[in-house]
C-alpha atoms as a PDB file:
ATOM      1  CA  MET A   1       8.972  -4.792  -4.898  1.00  0.00           C
ATOM      2  CA  ALA A   2       7.919  -5.275  -1.295  1.00  0.00           C
ATOM      3  CA  VAL A   3       4.530  -3.947  -0.395  1.00  0.00           C
ATOM      4  CA  ASN A   4       4.023  -2.198   2.973  1.00  0.00           C
ATOM      5  CA  THR A   5       1.792  -4.396   5.079  1.00  0.00           C
ATOM      6  CA  THR A   6       1.080  -1.678   7.624  1.00  0.00           C
ATOM      7  CA  THR A   7      -0.641   0.857   5.491  1.00  0.00           C
ATOM      8  CA  ASP A   8      -0.468   4.488   6.479  1.00  0.00           C
ATOM      9  CA  TRP A   9      -3.339   6.454   4.960  1.00  0.00           C
ATOM     10  CA  SER A  10      -2.294   9.816   6.542  1.00  0.00           C
ATOM     11  CA  ASP A  11      -0.895  11.406   3.367  1.00  0.00           C
ATOM     12  CA  PRO A  12      -3.334  11.505   0.469  1.00  0.00           C
ATOM     13  CA  VAL A  13      -0.620  12.061  -2.195  1.00  0.00           C
ATOM     14  CA  THR A  14       1.519   9.109  -1.100  1.00  0.00           C
ATOM     15  CA  CYS A  15       0.732   5.497  -1.895  1.00  0.00           C
ATOM     16  CA  PRO A  16       0.215   3.737   1.454  1.00  0.00           C
ATOM     17  CA  PHE A  17       1.502   0.486  -0.023  1.00  0.00           C
ATOM     18  CA  CYS A  18       4.841   1.517  -1.571  1.00  0.00           C
ATOM     19  CA  GLY A  19       5.351   5.128  -0.526  1.00  0.00           C
ATOM     20  CA  ASP A  20       5.487   6.487  -4.104  1.00  0.00           C
ATOM     21  CA  GLU A  21       4.200  10.019  -4.638  1.00  0.00           C
ATOM     22  CA  LEU A  22       0.855  10.135  -6.476  1.00  0.00           C
ATOM     23  CA  ALA A  23      -0.187  12.621  -9.126  1.00  0.00           C
ATOM     24  CA  SER A  24      -3.407  13.214  -7.175  1.00  0.00           C
ATOM     25  CA  PRO A  25      -5.202  11.584  -4.235  1.00  0.00           C
ATOM     26  CA  GLY A  26      -8.139  10.310  -6.286  1.00  0.00           C
ATOM     27  CA  ALA A  27      -7.528   9.512  -9.956  1.00  0.00           C
ATOM     28  CA  GLY A  28      -3.802   9.503  -9.339  1.00  0.00           C
ATOM     29  CA  PHE A  29      -4.207   6.625  -6.838  1.00  0.00           C
ATOM     30  CA  VAL A  30      -6.370   4.663  -9.306  1.00  0.00           C
ATOM     31  CA  ASP A  31      -3.805   5.247 -12.114  1.00  0.00           C
ATOM     32  CA  HIS A  32      -1.016   4.184  -9.744  1.00  0.00           C
ATOM     33  CA  LEU A  33      -2.828   0.954  -8.926  1.00  0.00           C
ATOM     34  CA  ASP A  34      -3.225   0.284 -12.676  1.00  0.00           C
ATOM     35  CA  GLU A  35       0.564   0.686 -13.091  1.00  0.00           C
ATOM     36  CA  LYS A  36       1.795  -1.118  -9.952  1.00  0.00           C
ATOM     37  CA  THR A  37       0.496  -4.672  -9.600  1.00  0.00           C
ATOM     38  CA  ASP A  38       1.897  -5.094  -6.106  1.00  0.00           C
ATOM     39  CA  CYS A  39       0.049  -2.007  -4.898  1.00  0.00           C
ATOM     40  CA  GLU A  40      -3.163  -3.117  -6.599  1.00  0.00           C
ATOM     41  CA  GLU A  41      -2.870  -6.514  -4.829  1.00  0.00           C
ATOM     42  CA  GLY A  42      -2.167  -4.755  -1.539  1.00  0.00           C
ATOM     43  CA  PHE A  43      -5.251  -2.579  -1.993  1.00  0.00           C
ATOM     44  CA  GLU A  44      -7.421  -5.555  -2.800  1.00  0.00           C
ATOM     45  CA  GLN A  45      -6.164  -7.342   0.317  1.00  0.00           C
ATOM     46  CA  TRP A  46      -6.840  -4.218   2.386  1.00  0.00           C
ATOM     47  CA  ARG A  47     -10.379  -4.039   1.013  1.00  0.00           C
ATOM     48  CA  GLN A  48     -10.988  -7.673   1.872  1.00  0.00           C
ATOM     49  CA  ASN A  49      -9.672  -7.109   5.371  1.00  0.00           C
ATOM     50  CA  ILE A  50     -12.025  -4.230   6.062  1.00  0.00           C
ATOM     51  CA  ALA A  51     -15.063  -5.536   4.144  1.00  0.00           C
ATOM     52  CA  GLY A  52     -16.510  -7.033   7.350  1.00  0.00           C
ATOM     53  CA  ASP A  53     -16.118  -3.718   9.148  1.00  0.00           C
ATOM     54  CA  LEU A  54     -18.448  -1.868   6.730  1.00  0.00           C
ATOM     55  CA  ALA A  55     -22.203  -2.270   6.326  1.00  0.00           C
ATOM     56  CA  GLY A  56     -22.703  -3.644   2.843  1.00  0.00           C
ATOM     57  CA  GLU A  57     -20.046  -3.583   0.113  1.00  0.00           C
ATOM     58  CA  TRP A  58     -17.878  -0.537  -0.300  1.00  0.00           C
ATOM     59  CA  ALA A  59     -18.378   1.003  -3.724  1.00  0.00           C
ATOM     60  CA  GLY A  60     -14.968   2.819  -3.776  1.00  0.00           C
END
């Protein structure tokens, strides 16, 4: 599966990495990451990319 490299966070019930519909914006996203390795890797890469933009580590 190809992961979207230009994430679009405008729809909270759609995974910004693959476009799949999520069961919910919070727990549903976490569950989705547990099920989809490519999306989890994309999320971790996104977190690394923005880590320098935030003061301290992001706890989310």
